[in-house]
Amino acid sequence: MAWVGLDFESALGSVATSLGNIGPGIGSVGPVDNFAHIPAVGKWVLALMMLLGRLELFTVLILFTPYFWKQN
């Protein structure tokens, strides 16, 4: 998230809150602010982080293993 222009604290807070689905983050995405100032590409990245956090990271990673797709 730092590459979209957020400072380190806000980048870390936005990714942590999205991956953990825990609510407000720290920095500029804290409890008294919102995610409106983040560019669209950053919101897409955070949306993917929310999906990974909601589905559990290891469940999503298993979809990318060849063993999962092998026919028996």
C-alpha atoms as a PDB file:
ATOM      1  CA  MET A   1       0.000   0.000   0.000  1.00  0.00           C
ATOM      2  CA  ALA A   2       2.994   2.258   0.333  1.00  0.00           C
ATOM      3  CA  TRP A   3       3.323   2.337  -3.454  1.00  0.00           C
ATOM      4  CA  VAL A   4      -0.082   4.035  -3.764  1.00  0.00           C
ATOM      5  CA  GLY A   5       1.098   6.904  -1.588  1.00  0.00           C
ATOM      6  CA  LEU A   6       0.242   5.945   1.982  1.00  0.00           C
ATOM      7  CA  ASP A   7       2.686   6.469   4.797  1.00  0.00           C
ATOM      8  CA  PHE A   8       4.071   3.358   6.534  1.00  0.00           C
ATOM      9  CA  GLU A   9       1.661   3.452   9.474  1.00  0.00           C
ATOM     10  CA  SER A  10      -1.410   3.869   7.273  1.00  0.00           C
ATOM     11  CA  ALA A  11      -0.228   1.205   4.806  1.00  0.00           C
ATOM     12  CA  LEU A  12       0.367  -1.302   7.588  1.00  0.00           C
ATOM     13  CA  GLY A  13      -2.911  -0.419   9.292  1.00  0.00           C
ATOM     14  CA  SER A  14      -5.004  -0.669   6.144  1.00  0.00           C
ATOM     15  CA  VAL A  15      -3.590  -4.073   5.164  1.00  0.00           C
ATOM     16  CA  ALA A  16      -3.898  -5.435   8.708  1.00  0.00           C
ATOM     17  CA  THR A  17      -7.481  -4.277   9.111  1.00  0.00           C
ATOM     18  CA  SER A  18      -8.451  -5.634   5.686  1.00  0.00           C
ATOM     19  CA  LEU A  19      -6.762  -9.016   6.097  1.00  0.00           C
ATOM     20  CA  GLY A  20      -8.124  -9.435   9.610  1.00  0.00           C
ATOM     21  CA  ASN A  21     -11.576  -7.967   8.902  1.00  0.00           C
ATOM     22  CA  ILE A  22     -11.389  -6.129  12.219  1.00  0.00           C
ATOM     23  CA  GLY A  23     -12.767  -2.664  11.500  1.00  0.00           C
ATOM     24  CA  PRO A  24     -10.851   0.615  11.767  1.00  0.00           C
ATOM     25  CA  GLY A  25      -7.102   0.573  11.226  1.00  0.00           C
ATOM     26  CA  ILE A  26      -4.360   2.934  12.325  1.00  0.00           C
ATOM     27  CA  GLY A  27      -3.005   6.066  10.744  1.00  0.00           C
ATOM     28  CA  SER A  28      -5.083   7.802   8.107  1.00  0.00           C
ATOM     29  CA  VAL A  29      -7.540   4.877   7.997  1.00  0.00           C
ATOM     30  CA  GLY A  30      -8.138   4.997  11.732  1.00  0.00           C
ATOM     31  CA  PRO A  31     -11.387   5.306  13.649  1.00  0.00           C
ATOM     32  CA  VAL A  32     -11.854   9.013  12.878  1.00  0.00           C
ATOM     33  CA  ASP A  33     -11.161   8.683   9.129  1.00  0.00           C
ATOM     34  CA  ASN A  34     -12.044   6.306   6.299  1.00  0.00           C
ATOM     35  CA  PHE A  35     -10.672   4.660   3.158  1.00  0.00           C
ATOM     36  CA  ALA A  36     -12.035   7.293   0.744  1.00  0.00           C
ATOM     37  CA  HIS A  37      -8.656   8.936   0.086  1.00  0.00           C
ATOM     38  CA  ILE A  38      -7.042   5.674  -1.106  1.00  0.00           C
ATOM     39  CA  PRO A  39      -6.765   5.409  -4.924  1.00  0.00           C
ATOM     40  CA  ALA A  40      -8.895   2.847  -6.779  1.00  0.00           C
ATOM     41  CA  VAL A  41      -6.026   0.389  -7.317  1.00  0.00           C
ATOM     42  CA  GLY A  42      -5.354   0.440  -3.573  1.00  0.00           C
ATOM     43  CA  LYS A  43      -8.997  -0.292  -2.853  1.00  0.00           C
ATOM     44  CA  TRP A  44      -8.824  -3.292  -5.197  1.00  0.00           C
ATOM     45  CA  VAL A  45      -5.767  -4.578  -3.333  1.00  0.00           C
ATOM     46  CA  LEU A  46      -7.539  -4.107  -0.010  1.00  0.00           C
ATOM     47  CA  ALA A  47     -10.642  -5.856  -1.358  1.00  0.00           C
ATOM     48  CA  LEU A  48      -8.481  -8.856  -2.281  1.00  0.00           C
ATOM     49  CA  MET A  49      -6.963  -8.755   1.195  1.00  0.00           C
ATOM     50  CA  MET A  50     -10.476  -8.825   2.676  1.00  0.00           C
ATOM     51  CA  LEU A  51     -11.338 -11.821   0.508  1.00  0.00           C
ATOM     52  CA  LEU A  52      -8.168 -13.644   1.562  1.00  0.00           C
ATOM     53  CA  GLY A  53      -8.843 -12.855   5.198  1.00  0.00           C
ATOM     54  CA  ARG A  54     -12.449 -13.935   5.015  1.00  0.00           C
ATOM     55  CA  LEU A  55     -11.761 -17.212   3.227  1.00  0.00           C
ATOM     56  CA  GLU A  56      -8.671 -17.917   5.323  1.00  0.00           C
ATOM     57  CA  LEU A  57      -5.345 -17.501   3.619  1.00  0.00           C
ATOM     58  CA  PHE A  58      -4.414 -21.181   3.460  1.00  0.00           C
ATOM     59  CA  THR A  59      -7.721 -22.170   1.872  1.00  0.00           C
ATOM     60  CA  VAL A  60      -7.117 -19.726  -0.964  1.00  0.00           C
ATOM     61  CA  LEU A  61      -3.483 -20.806  -1.368  1.00  0.00           C
ATOM     62  CA  ILE A  62      -4.563 -24.445  -1.776  1.00  0.00           C
ATOM     63  CA  LEU A  63      -6.446 -23.440  -4.929  1.00  0.00           C
ATOM     64  CA  PHE A  64      -3.083 -22.639  -6.526  1.00  0.00           C
ATOM     65  CA  THR A  65      -1.463 -26.015  -5.824  1.00  0.00           C
ATOM     66  CA  PRO A  66      -1.334 -28.644  -8.603  1.00  0.00           C
ATOM     67  CA  TYR A  67      -2.336 -31.385  -6.143  1.00  0.00           C
ATOM     68  CA  PHE A  68      -5.754 -29.779  -5.648  1.00  0.00           C
ATOM     69  CA  TRP A  69      -6.537 -29.860  -9.383  1.00  0.00           C
ATOM     70  CA  LYS A  70      -5.157 -33.360 -10.092  1.00  0.00           C
ATOM     71  CA  GLN A  71      -7.763 -35.846 -11.325  1.00  0.00           C
ATOM     72  CA  ASN A  72      -7.978 -39.107  -9.412  1.00  0.00           C
END
